[in-house]
């Protein structure tokens, strides 16, 4: 099945290379957009919170937007770098760049979990960010409470909820912001498409 899909993608690449380049370029644009939002939230967080306070029936969880400015900046930078690597890798036919873009995408979730285990309870700013997020969203960890295995939190639990914050965030987006959810899914689909295209190009270059 994979061989058939790969063949179809290769044929599509040969006939529609400009569209493929558009996918990779769009990943860069998504990174720029997220980076810009993160910088705006960080610089103008006071005004943002003031706007949220004036919105009737606004979910209390929206107040956490000011705490994720650095996360948005980080994600934006990563997407921008991935788009750059994918674009340059396709233009220069560099297998190294294409593989690097794929590895970055695969390592993102692993690094989040590793950061929890290593720095939670030791890094004050990270601990405060996670505590505020978990208390606000009534969740525990990135995937679930097992993310804290081996961390200082394991021996001193204070939150009884065992649902992962990632799933809680998805639920929040689904319940309170359909447009945000659509944008998020679009970015995710874009990144998956960019990764698949990168791998096809990687194999094509290797066969030359």
N, C-alpha and C. Protein backbone atom coordinates (compact mmCIF):
# COMPACT_ATOMS: atom_id res chain seq x y z
N UNK A 1 0.84 -1.21 0.00
CA UNK A 1 0.00 0.00 0.00
C UNK A 1 0.87 1.26 0.00
N UNK A 2 1.93 1.22 0.84
CA UNK A 2 2.82 2.38 0.91
C UNK A 2 3.49 2.63 -0.43
N UNK A 3 3.88 1.53 -1.14
CA UNK A 3 4.53 1.69 -2.43
C UNK A 3 3.59 2.37 -3.42
N UNK A 4 2.30 2.01 -3.37
CA UNK A 4 1.33 2.62 -4.28
C UNK A 4 1.16 4.10 -3.96
N UNK A 5 1.06 4.41 -2.65
CA UNK A 5 0.91 5.81 -2.25
C UNK A 5 2.14 6.60 -2.65
N UNK A 6 3.33 5.99 -2.41
CA UNK A 6 4.57 6.68 -2.75
C UNK A 6 4.65 6.96 -4.25
N UNK A 7 4.23 5.96 -5.05
CA UNK A 7 4.26 6.14 -6.50
C UNK A 7 3.34 7.26 -6.95
N UNK A 8 2.17 7.33 -6.32
CA UNK A 8 1.23 8.40 -6.67
C UNK A 8 1.79 9.76 -6.31
N UNK A 9 2.45 9.83 -5.14
CA UNK A 9 3.03 11.11 -4.71
C UNK A 9 4.17 11.51 -5.64
N UNK A 10 5.00 10.52 -6.06
CA UNK A 10 6.10 10.82 -6.96
C UNK A 10 5.58 11.33 -8.30
N UNK A 11 4.52 10.70 -8.79
CA UNK A 11 3.92 11.15 -10.05
C UNK A 11 3.38 12.57 -9.91
N UNK A 12 2.73 12.80 -8.76
CA UNK A 12 2.19 14.14 -8.49
C UNK A 12 3.31 15.16 -8.42
N UNK A 13 4.43 14.76 -7.81
CA UNK A 13 5.57 15.68 -7.70
C UNK A 13 6.13 16.03 -9.08
N UNK A 14 6.23 15.00 -9.95
CA UNK A 14 6.77 15.24 -11.28
C UNK A 14 5.87 16.18 -12.08
N UNK A 15 4.57 16.06 -11.90
CA UNK A 15 3.63 16.85 -12.69
C UNK A 15 3.29 18.18 -12.04
N UNK A 16 3.40 18.23 -10.71
CA UNK A 16 2.93 19.43 -9.99
C UNK A 16 3.98 19.88 -8.98
N UNK A 17 5.20 20.07 -9.42
CA UNK A 17 6.27 20.46 -8.50
C UNK A 17 5.99 21.82 -7.88
N UNK A 18 5.33 22.70 -8.63
CA UNK A 18 5.03 24.02 -8.08
C UNK A 18 4.06 23.94 -6.92
N UNK A 19 3.06 23.03 -7.02
CA UNK A 19 2.12 22.86 -5.92
C UNK A 19 2.82 22.29 -4.69
N UNK A 20 3.77 21.37 -4.92
CA UNK A 20 4.52 20.80 -3.81
C UNK A 20 5.34 21.87 -3.11
N UNK A 21 5.95 22.73 -3.90
CA UNK A 21 6.71 23.83 -3.32
C UNK A 21 5.80 24.73 -2.50
N UNK A 22 4.56 24.87 -2.95
CA UNK A 22 3.60 25.70 -2.22
C UNK A 22 3.33 25.12 -0.84
N UNK A 23 3.24 23.78 -0.74
CA UNK A 23 3.02 23.14 0.56
C UNK A 23 4.14 23.47 1.52
N UNK A 24 5.39 23.35 1.04
CA UNK A 24 6.54 23.62 1.89
C UNK A 24 6.58 25.09 2.27
N UNK A 25 6.32 25.96 1.30
CA UNK A 25 6.31 27.39 1.59
C UNK A 25 5.22 27.75 2.58
N UNK A 26 4.08 27.09 2.48
CA UNK A 26 2.98 27.35 3.41
C UNK A 26 3.37 27.00 4.84
N UNK A 27 4.21 25.98 5.00
CA UNK A 27 4.69 25.63 6.34
C UNK A 27 5.48 26.79 6.93
N UNK A 28 6.29 27.44 6.09
CA UNK A 28 7.03 28.61 6.55
C UNK A 28 6.08 29.73 6.94
N UNK A 29 5.07 29.96 6.13
CA UNK A 29 4.11 31.03 6.43
C UNK A 29 3.36 30.75 7.73
N UNK A 30 3.02 29.47 7.96
CA UNK A 30 2.36 29.11 9.21
C UNK A 30 3.28 29.40 10.39
N UNK A 31 4.57 29.10 10.23
CA UNK A 31 5.53 29.39 11.29
C UNK A 31 5.63 30.87 11.58
N UNK A 32 5.65 31.67 10.52
CA UNK A 32 5.72 33.13 10.69
C UNK A 32 4.48 33.63 11.41
N UNK A 33 3.30 33.10 11.04
CA UNK A 33 2.06 33.54 11.66
C UNK A 33 2.03 33.22 13.15
N UNK A 34 2.40 31.98 13.50
CA UNK A 34 2.39 31.58 14.91
C UNK A 34 3.43 32.37 15.69
N UNK A 35 4.61 32.57 15.09
CA UNK A 35 5.65 33.36 15.74
C UNK A 35 5.17 34.78 16.01
N UNK A 36 4.49 35.37 15.03
CA UNK A 36 3.98 36.73 15.19
C UNK A 36 2.96 36.81 16.32
N UNK A 37 2.07 35.82 16.39
CA UNK A 37 1.08 35.80 17.47
C UNK A 37 1.77 35.67 18.82
N UNK A 38 2.77 34.80 18.90
CA UNK A 38 3.49 34.63 20.16
C UNK A 38 4.17 35.90 20.62
N UNK A 39 4.83 36.59 19.69
CA UNK A 39 5.49 37.85 20.03
C UNK A 39 4.47 38.89 20.46
N UNK A 40 3.35 38.95 19.75
CA UNK A 40 2.31 39.92 20.11
C UNK A 40 1.76 39.65 21.50
N UNK A 41 1.49 38.37 21.80
CA UNK A 41 0.96 38.02 23.12
C UNK A 41 1.95 38.39 24.20
N UNK A 42 3.24 38.15 23.95
CA UNK A 42 4.26 38.46 24.95
C UNK A 42 4.39 39.96 25.17
N UNK A 43 4.47 40.72 24.09
CA UNK A 43 4.69 42.16 24.19
C UNK A 43 3.45 42.88 24.70
N UNK A 44 2.28 42.42 24.26
CA UNK A 44 1.04 43.14 24.56
C UNK A 44 0.10 42.31 25.42
N UNK A 45 0.66 41.50 26.32
CA UNK A 45 -0.18 40.60 27.13
C UNK A 45 -1.14 41.37 28.02
N UNK A 46 -0.72 42.54 28.50
CA UNK A 46 -1.61 43.33 29.35
C UNK A 46 -2.87 43.76 28.62
N UNK A 47 -2.69 44.24 27.40
CA UNK A 47 -3.85 44.66 26.60
C UNK A 47 -4.72 43.47 26.24
N UNK A 48 -4.08 42.33 25.95
CA UNK A 48 -4.84 41.14 25.59
C UNK A 48 -5.73 40.70 26.74
N UNK A 49 -5.18 40.66 27.93
CA UNK A 49 -5.98 40.27 29.09
C UNK A 49 -7.10 41.26 29.34
N UNK A 50 -6.82 42.55 29.07
CA UNK A 50 -7.86 43.55 29.23
C UNK A 50 -9.02 43.31 28.28
N UNK A 51 -8.70 42.92 27.05
CA UNK A 51 -9.75 42.61 26.08
C UNK A 51 -10.55 41.40 26.53
N UNK A 52 -9.86 40.36 27.00
CA UNK A 52 -10.55 39.16 27.45
C UNK A 52 -11.48 39.44 28.62
N UNK A 53 -11.05 40.36 29.50
CA UNK A 53 -11.88 40.70 30.66
C UNK A 53 -13.19 41.36 30.24
N UNK A 54 -13.19 42.01 29.09
CA UNK A 54 -14.38 42.72 28.63
C UNK A 54 -15.32 41.84 27.79
N UNK A 55 -14.92 40.60 27.56
CA UNK A 55 -15.76 39.68 26.78
C UNK A 55 -16.68 38.93 27.72
N UNK A 56 -17.98 39.07 27.51
CA UNK A 56 -18.94 38.39 28.37
C UNK A 56 -18.93 36.89 28.10
N UNK A 57 -19.03 36.13 29.19
CA UNK A 57 -19.09 34.67 29.11
C UNK A 57 -17.87 34.05 28.45
N UNK A 58 -16.74 34.76 28.50
CA UNK A 58 -15.51 34.20 27.93
C UNK A 58 -14.99 33.11 28.86
N UNK A 59 -14.55 31.97 28.31
CA UNK A 59 -14.02 30.90 29.16
C UNK A 59 -12.84 31.39 29.98
N UNK A 60 -12.79 30.99 31.25
CA UNK A 60 -11.70 31.41 32.12
C UNK A 60 -10.35 30.92 31.61
N UNK A 61 -10.37 29.79 30.87
CA UNK A 61 -9.13 29.22 30.38
C UNK A 61 -8.41 30.13 29.39
N UNK A 62 -9.15 31.08 28.78
CA UNK A 62 -8.52 31.97 27.82
C UNK A 62 -7.46 32.84 28.48
N UNK A 63 -7.57 33.02 29.80
CA UNK A 63 -6.56 33.79 30.51
C UNK A 63 -5.19 33.17 30.43
N UNK A 64 -5.13 31.86 30.13
CA UNK A 64 -3.85 31.18 30.02
C UNK A 64 -3.11 31.54 28.74
N UNK A 65 -3.76 32.26 27.82
CA UNK A 65 -3.09 32.63 26.58
C UNK A 65 -1.82 33.43 26.85
N UNK A 66 -1.86 34.26 27.89
CA UNK A 66 -0.69 35.08 28.19
C UNK A 66 0.49 34.24 28.65
N UNK A 67 0.21 33.03 29.17
CA UNK A 67 1.28 32.18 29.69
C UNK A 67 1.92 31.31 28.63
N UNK A 68 1.34 31.26 27.44
CA UNK A 68 1.89 30.39 26.40
C UNK A 68 2.57 31.19 25.29
N UNK A 69 2.91 32.44 25.57
CA UNK A 69 3.58 33.26 24.56
C UNK A 69 4.89 32.62 24.12
N UNK A 70 5.68 32.18 25.09
CA UNK A 70 6.96 31.56 24.75
C UNK A 70 6.76 30.27 23.96
N UNK A 71 5.71 29.53 24.29
CA UNK A 71 5.43 28.30 23.56
C UNK A 71 5.09 28.61 22.10
N UNK A 72 4.27 29.63 21.89
CA UNK A 72 3.92 30.02 20.52
C UNK A 72 5.16 30.46 19.75
N UNK A 73 6.02 31.23 20.41
CA UNK A 73 7.24 31.68 19.76
C UNK A 73 8.11 30.49 19.37
N UNK A 74 8.23 29.53 20.31
CA UNK A 74 9.03 28.35 20.03
C UNK A 74 8.48 27.53 18.88
N UNK A 75 7.17 27.30 18.89
CA UNK A 75 6.54 26.53 17.82
C UNK A 75 6.69 27.25 16.48
N UNK A 76 6.50 28.56 16.50
CA UNK A 76 6.65 29.33 15.26
C UNK A 76 8.04 29.23 14.69
N UNK A 77 9.05 29.33 15.55
CA UNK A 77 10.44 29.22 15.10
C UNK A 77 10.70 27.84 14.51
N UNK A 78 10.20 26.80 15.20
CA UNK A 78 10.41 25.43 14.72
C UNK A 78 9.77 25.23 13.35
N UNK A 79 8.53 25.68 13.18
CA UNK A 79 7.85 25.54 11.89
C UNK A 79 8.57 26.32 10.80
N UNK A 80 9.08 27.49 11.16
CA UNK A 80 9.80 28.30 10.18
C UNK A 80 11.07 27.60 9.73
N UNK A 81 11.79 27.02 10.69
CA UNK A 81 13.02 26.29 10.37
C UNK A 81 12.72 25.06 9.52
N UNK A 82 11.64 24.34 9.89
CA UNK A 82 11.27 23.15 9.12
C UNK A 82 10.90 23.51 7.69
N UNK A 83 10.15 24.58 7.53
CA UNK A 83 9.79 25.02 6.19
C UNK A 83 11.01 25.41 5.38
N UNK A 84 11.95 26.09 6.04
CA UNK A 84 13.19 26.49 5.37
C UNK A 84 14.00 25.27 4.94
N UNK A 85 14.13 24.29 5.85
CA UNK A 85 14.88 23.08 5.52
C UNK A 85 14.21 22.31 4.38
N UNK A 86 12.87 22.21 4.44
CA UNK A 86 12.16 21.50 3.38
C UNK A 86 12.31 22.18 2.03
N UNK A 87 12.22 23.51 2.04
CA UNK A 87 12.33 24.27 0.79
C UNK A 87 13.73 24.15 0.21
N UNK A 88 14.75 24.38 1.05
CA UNK A 88 16.13 24.29 0.58
C UNK A 88 16.48 22.86 0.18
N UNK A 89 15.97 21.89 0.96
CA UNK A 89 16.24 20.50 0.64
C UNK A 89 15.68 20.11 -0.71
N UNK A 90 14.49 20.62 -1.03
CA UNK A 90 13.88 20.31 -2.33
C UNK A 90 14.61 21.00 -3.47
N UNK A 91 14.99 22.25 -3.25
CA UNK A 91 15.66 23.01 -4.31
C UNK A 91 17.07 22.50 -4.57
N UNK A 92 17.79 22.19 -3.48
CA UNK A 92 19.18 21.74 -3.60
C UNK A 92 19.30 20.22 -3.70
N UNK A 93 18.16 19.52 -3.61
CA UNK A 93 18.15 18.06 -3.61
C UNK A 93 19.07 17.52 -2.52
N UNK A 94 18.93 18.09 -1.33
CA UNK A 94 19.75 17.69 -0.19
C UNK A 94 18.99 16.71 0.69
N UNK A 95 19.44 15.46 0.74
CA UNK A 95 18.80 14.45 1.57
C UNK A 95 18.97 14.80 3.05
N UNK A 96 20.11 15.41 3.38
CA UNK A 96 20.38 15.77 4.77
C UNK A 96 19.35 16.75 5.29
N UNK A 97 19.05 17.78 4.52
CA UNK A 97 18.07 18.79 4.96
C UNK A 97 16.68 18.19 5.09
N UNK A 98 16.29 17.34 4.14
CA UNK A 98 14.97 16.73 4.18
C UNK A 98 14.82 15.81 5.38
N UNK A 99 15.86 15.03 5.67
CA UNK A 99 15.81 14.14 6.82
C UNK A 99 15.79 14.94 8.12
N UNK A 100 16.54 16.05 8.16
CA UNK A 100 16.56 16.88 9.36
C UNK A 100 15.18 17.46 9.64
N UNK A 101 14.47 17.89 8.61
CA UNK A 101 13.12 18.43 8.79
C UNK A 101 12.20 17.37 9.37
N UNK A 102 12.31 16.14 8.90
CA UNK A 102 11.48 15.04 9.40
C UNK A 102 11.80 14.74 10.86
N UNK A 103 13.09 14.71 11.19
CA UNK A 103 13.49 14.40 12.56
C UNK A 103 13.00 15.45 13.54
N UNK A 104 13.03 16.71 13.14
CA UNK A 104 12.55 17.78 14.01
C UNK A 104 11.08 17.56 14.34
N UNK A 105 10.29 17.22 13.34
CA UNK A 105 8.86 17.01 13.55
C UNK A 105 8.60 15.84 14.50
N UNK A 106 9.35 14.76 14.35
CA UNK A 106 9.13 13.57 15.17
C UNK A 106 9.58 13.77 16.61
N UNK A 107 10.56 14.65 16.83
CA UNK A 107 11.12 14.82 18.17
C UNK A 107 10.36 15.80 19.04
N UNK A 108 9.41 16.55 18.47
CA UNK A 108 8.74 17.60 19.23
C UNK A 108 8.05 17.08 20.48
N UNK A 109 7.17 16.08 20.32
CA UNK A 109 6.42 15.57 21.48
C UNK A 109 7.34 14.89 22.48
N UNK A 110 8.38 14.20 21.99
CA UNK A 110 9.32 13.53 22.89
C UNK A 110 10.06 14.53 23.76
N UNK A 111 10.41 15.68 23.20
CA UNK A 111 11.13 16.69 23.96
C UNK A 111 10.24 17.32 25.03
N UNK A 112 8.95 17.46 24.73
CA UNK A 112 8.04 18.02 25.73
C UNK A 112 7.97 17.12 26.95
N UNK A 113 7.81 15.81 26.72
CA UNK A 113 7.74 14.85 27.82
C UNK A 113 9.06 14.80 28.57
N UNK A 114 10.17 14.82 27.85
CA UNK A 114 11.49 14.78 28.49
C UNK A 114 11.71 16.02 29.35
N UNK A 115 11.21 17.16 28.89
CA UNK A 115 11.34 18.39 29.66
C UNK A 115 10.58 18.31 30.97
N UNK A 116 9.40 17.69 30.93
CA UNK A 116 8.61 17.53 32.16
C UNK A 116 9.39 16.70 33.17
N UNK A 117 9.91 15.57 32.72
CA UNK A 117 10.61 14.65 33.63
C UNK A 117 11.89 15.27 34.19
N UNK A 118 12.58 16.06 33.38
CA UNK A 118 13.87 16.59 33.80
C UNK A 118 13.75 17.87 34.61
N UNK A 119 12.91 18.80 34.16
CA UNK A 119 12.91 20.15 34.72
C UNK A 119 11.76 20.46 35.66
N UNK A 120 10.68 19.66 35.62
CA UNK A 120 9.57 19.98 36.51
C UNK A 120 10.00 19.80 37.96
N UNK A 121 9.78 20.83 38.77
CA UNK A 121 10.19 20.81 40.16
C UNK A 121 11.57 21.38 40.38
N UNK A 122 12.36 21.50 39.32
CA UNK A 122 13.71 22.05 39.42
C UNK A 122 13.81 23.43 38.78
N UNK A 123 13.13 23.60 37.67
CA UNK A 123 13.10 24.89 36.98
C UNK A 123 11.85 25.64 37.43
N UNK A 124 12.06 26.75 38.13
CA UNK A 124 10.94 27.49 38.70
C UNK A 124 9.95 27.99 37.69
N UNK A 125 10.43 28.59 36.59
CA UNK A 125 9.52 29.15 35.59
C UNK A 125 8.73 28.06 34.88
N UNK A 126 9.41 26.96 34.53
CA UNK A 126 8.70 25.87 33.87
C UNK A 126 7.70 25.21 34.81
N UNK A 127 8.10 25.03 36.07
CA UNK A 127 7.19 24.43 37.05
C UNK A 127 5.96 25.29 37.24
N UNK A 128 6.17 26.61 37.34
CA UNK A 128 5.05 27.53 37.52
C UNK A 128 4.11 27.49 36.32
N UNK A 129 4.68 27.43 35.11
CA UNK A 129 3.87 27.37 33.91
C UNK A 129 3.03 26.10 33.87
N UNK A 130 3.64 24.95 34.19
CA UNK A 130 2.91 23.69 34.19
C UNK A 130 1.86 23.66 35.29
N UNK A 131 2.22 24.15 36.49
CA UNK A 131 1.25 24.16 37.59
C UNK A 131 0.03 24.99 37.23
N UNK A 132 0.28 26.19 36.68
CA UNK A 132 -0.84 27.05 36.31
C UNK A 132 -1.70 26.42 35.23
N UNK A 133 -1.04 25.78 34.26
CA UNK A 133 -1.78 25.13 33.18
C UNK A 133 -2.61 23.97 33.70
N UNK A 134 -2.01 23.13 34.56
CA UNK A 134 -2.72 21.95 35.07
C UNK A 134 -3.86 22.35 35.99
N UNK A 135 -3.64 23.35 36.82
CA UNK A 135 -4.71 23.79 37.72
C UNK A 135 -5.85 24.44 36.94
N UNK A 136 -5.50 25.20 35.91
CA UNK A 136 -6.53 25.90 35.13
C UNK A 136 -7.35 24.93 34.29
N UNK A 137 -6.66 23.99 33.66
CA UNK A 137 -7.34 23.05 32.76
C UNK A 137 -7.81 21.78 33.46
N UNK A 138 -7.45 21.62 34.76
CA UNK A 138 -7.81 20.41 35.50
C UNK A 138 -7.29 19.16 34.79
N UNK A 139 -5.98 19.15 34.53
CA UNK A 139 -5.37 18.04 33.82
C UNK A 139 -4.03 17.73 34.46
N UNK A 140 -3.34 16.74 33.91
CA UNK A 140 -2.06 16.33 34.49
C UNK A 140 -1.11 15.88 33.38
N UNK A 141 0.03 16.55 33.26
CA UNK A 141 1.03 16.17 32.28
C UNK A 141 0.64 16.50 30.86
N UNK A 142 1.49 16.10 29.93
CA UNK A 142 1.21 16.34 28.51
C UNK A 142 0.26 15.29 27.97
N UNK A 143 0.61 14.00 28.16
CA UNK A 143 -0.27 12.91 27.74
C UNK A 143 -1.15 12.45 28.90
N UNK A 144 -0.54 12.23 30.07
CA UNK A 144 -1.25 11.87 31.30
C UNK A 144 -0.25 11.90 32.45
N UNK A 145 -0.66 11.39 33.62
CA UNK A 145 0.18 11.48 34.81
C UNK A 145 1.50 10.70 34.68
N UNK A 146 1.58 9.73 33.77
CA UNK A 146 2.81 8.94 33.62
C UNK A 146 3.96 9.78 33.09
N UNK A 147 3.68 10.97 32.56
CA UNK A 147 4.77 11.84 32.10
C UNK A 147 5.66 12.27 33.25
N UNK A 148 5.16 12.16 34.48
CA UNK A 148 5.92 12.61 35.64
C UNK A 148 6.75 11.49 36.27
N UNK A 149 6.75 10.30 35.68
CA UNK A 149 7.58 9.22 36.20
C UNK A 149 9.04 9.66 36.17
N UNK A 150 9.68 9.60 37.33
CA UNK A 150 11.08 9.99 37.43
C UNK A 150 11.30 11.46 37.72
N UNK A 151 10.23 12.23 37.87
CA UNK A 151 10.36 13.65 38.18
C UNK A 151 10.05 13.88 39.65
N UNK A 152 10.44 15.06 40.23
CA UNK A 152 10.12 15.35 41.63
C UNK A 152 8.64 15.31 41.93
N UNK A 153 7.79 15.54 40.94
CA UNK A 153 6.34 15.57 41.16
C UNK A 153 5.82 14.20 41.57
N UNK A 154 6.49 13.14 41.14
CA UNK A 154 5.98 11.79 41.37
C UNK A 154 5.83 11.50 42.86
N UNK A 155 6.74 12.01 43.68
CA UNK A 155 6.67 11.74 45.11
C UNK A 155 5.90 12.78 45.88
N UNK A 156 5.38 13.80 45.21
CA UNK A 156 4.66 14.86 45.90
C UNK A 156 3.48 15.33 45.06
N UNK A 157 2.54 14.44 44.76
CA UNK A 157 1.40 14.81 43.90
C UNK A 157 0.44 15.75 44.62
N UNK A 158 -0.06 16.74 43.89
CA UNK A 158 -1.03 17.67 44.46
C UNK A 158 -2.27 17.81 43.58
N UNK A 159 -2.26 17.20 42.42
CA UNK A 159 -3.39 17.29 41.50
C UNK A 159 -3.92 15.89 41.25
N UNK A 160 -5.21 15.71 41.48
CA UNK A 160 -5.79 14.37 41.38
C UNK A 160 -6.19 13.99 39.96
N UNK A 161 -6.36 14.98 39.08
CA UNK A 161 -6.80 14.68 37.73
C UNK A 161 -5.72 13.91 36.97
N UNK A 162 -6.13 12.96 36.14
CA UNK A 162 -5.16 12.14 35.42
C UNK A 162 -5.28 12.31 33.90
N UNK A 163 -6.19 13.15 33.45
CA UNK A 163 -6.34 13.39 32.01
C UNK A 163 -5.21 14.29 31.53
N UNK A 164 -4.61 13.95 30.39
CA UNK A 164 -3.52 14.74 29.86
C UNK A 164 -3.95 16.12 29.42
N UNK A 165 -3.06 17.11 29.60
CA UNK A 165 -3.39 18.49 29.24
C UNK A 165 -3.55 18.66 27.74
N UNK A 166 -2.87 17.84 26.96
CA UNK A 166 -3.02 17.94 25.51
C UNK A 166 -4.45 17.64 25.10
N UNK A 167 -5.02 16.58 25.66
CA UNK A 167 -6.41 16.23 25.35
C UNK A 167 -7.38 17.28 25.88
N UNK A 168 -7.07 17.82 27.06
CA UNK A 168 -7.93 18.87 27.61
C UNK A 168 -7.90 20.11 26.73
N UNK A 169 -6.71 20.43 26.21
CA UNK A 169 -6.60 21.59 25.33
C UNK A 169 -7.40 21.38 24.05
N UNK A 170 -7.33 20.16 23.53
CA UNK A 170 -8.12 19.85 22.34
C UNK A 170 -9.61 20.00 22.61
N UNK A 171 -10.04 19.54 23.79
CA UNK A 171 -11.46 19.67 24.16
C UNK A 171 -11.86 21.13 24.28
N UNK A 172 -10.97 21.94 24.87
CA UNK A 172 -11.25 23.36 25.03
C UNK A 172 -11.41 24.03 23.67
N UNK A 173 -10.49 23.71 22.77
CA UNK A 173 -10.56 24.30 21.43
C UNK A 173 -11.85 23.88 20.72
N UNK A 174 -12.20 22.61 20.86
CA UNK A 174 -13.39 22.09 20.20
C UNK A 174 -14.66 22.73 20.75
N UNK A 175 -14.70 22.94 22.07
CA UNK A 175 -15.91 23.45 22.70
C UNK A 175 -16.06 24.96 22.59
N UNK A 176 -14.94 25.70 22.55
CA UNK A 176 -15.02 27.15 22.66
C UNK A 176 -14.49 27.93 21.47
N UNK A 177 -13.79 27.26 20.56
CA UNK A 177 -13.21 28.02 19.45
C UNK A 177 -13.10 27.13 18.22
N UNK A 178 -14.19 27.02 17.49
CA UNK A 178 -14.22 26.17 16.29
C UNK A 178 -13.24 26.68 15.24
N UNK A 179 -13.15 27.99 15.10
CA UNK A 179 -12.24 28.56 14.10
C UNK A 179 -10.79 28.24 14.44
N UNK A 180 -10.43 28.39 15.73
CA UNK A 180 -9.07 28.08 16.15
C UNK A 180 -8.77 26.61 15.89
N UNK A 181 -9.75 25.77 16.17
CA UNK A 181 -9.55 24.35 15.92
C UNK A 181 -9.31 24.06 14.45
N UNK A 182 -10.06 24.72 13.58
CA UNK A 182 -9.89 24.52 12.13
C UNK A 182 -8.52 24.96 11.68
N UNK A 183 -8.07 26.10 12.20
CA UNK A 183 -6.73 26.58 11.85
C UNK A 183 -5.67 25.61 12.33
N UNK A 184 -5.84 25.11 13.56
CA UNK A 184 -4.87 24.16 14.10
C UNK A 184 -4.79 22.89 13.27
N UNK A 185 -5.96 22.36 12.88
CA UNK A 185 -5.98 21.15 12.06
C UNK A 185 -5.35 21.42 10.69
N UNK A 186 -5.58 22.62 10.18
CA UNK A 186 -4.99 22.96 8.90
C UNK A 186 -3.47 22.98 8.96
N UNK A 187 -2.94 23.55 10.06
CA UNK A 187 -1.49 23.59 10.23
C UNK A 187 -0.94 22.18 10.40
N UNK A 188 -1.65 21.34 11.17
CA UNK A 188 -1.19 19.96 11.37
C UNK A 188 -1.17 19.21 10.05
N UNK A 189 -2.24 19.36 9.25
CA UNK A 189 -2.28 18.69 7.95
C UNK A 189 -1.17 19.19 7.05
N UNK A 190 -0.90 20.48 7.14
CA UNK A 190 0.16 21.07 6.33
C UNK A 190 1.51 20.48 6.68
N UNK A 191 1.76 20.32 7.99
CA UNK A 191 3.04 19.76 8.41
C UNK A 191 3.17 18.30 8.01
N UNK A 192 2.09 17.54 8.11
CA UNK A 192 2.13 16.13 7.69
C UNK A 192 2.41 16.04 6.20
N UNK A 193 1.74 16.89 5.42
CA UNK A 193 1.98 16.90 3.98
C UNK A 193 3.42 17.26 3.66
N UNK A 194 3.95 18.25 4.39
CA UNK A 194 5.34 18.65 4.17
C UNK A 194 6.30 17.52 4.50
N UNK A 195 6.00 16.77 5.58
CA UNK A 195 6.86 15.66 5.98
C UNK A 195 6.83 14.55 4.92
N UNK A 196 5.63 14.22 4.42
CA UNK A 196 5.50 13.17 3.40
C UNK A 196 6.25 13.57 2.13
N UNK A 197 6.06 14.82 1.71
CA UNK A 197 6.76 15.30 0.52
C UNK A 197 8.26 15.24 0.71
N UNK A 198 8.73 15.62 1.90
CA UNK A 198 10.16 15.59 2.19
C UNK A 198 10.72 14.18 2.08
N UNK A 199 9.97 13.19 2.59
CA UNK A 199 10.44 11.81 2.54
C UNK A 199 10.46 11.27 1.11
N UNK A 200 9.47 11.64 0.30
CA UNK A 200 9.46 11.21 -1.10
C UNK A 200 10.65 11.82 -1.84
N UNK A 201 10.90 13.11 -1.61
CA UNK A 201 12.05 13.75 -2.24
C UNK A 201 13.35 13.12 -1.76
N UNK A 202 13.40 12.77 -0.49
CA UNK A 202 14.59 12.14 0.09
C UNK A 202 14.91 10.85 -0.65
N UNK A 203 13.89 10.03 -0.90
CA UNK A 203 14.09 8.77 -1.60
C UNK A 203 14.41 8.99 -3.07
N UNK A 204 13.78 9.97 -3.69
CA UNK A 204 14.06 10.27 -5.09
C UNK A 204 15.50 10.68 -5.29
N UNK A 205 15.99 11.55 -4.39
CA UNK A 205 17.38 12.01 -4.49
C UNK A 205 18.34 10.85 -4.29
N UNK A 206 17.99 9.94 -3.36
CA UNK A 206 18.86 8.80 -3.10
C UNK A 206 18.93 7.84 -4.27
N UNK A 207 17.91 7.81 -5.11
CA UNK A 207 17.89 6.89 -6.25
C UNK A 207 18.62 7.44 -7.46
N UNK A 208 19.01 8.71 -7.39
CA UNK A 208 19.70 9.32 -8.55
C UNK A 208 21.17 8.93 -8.57
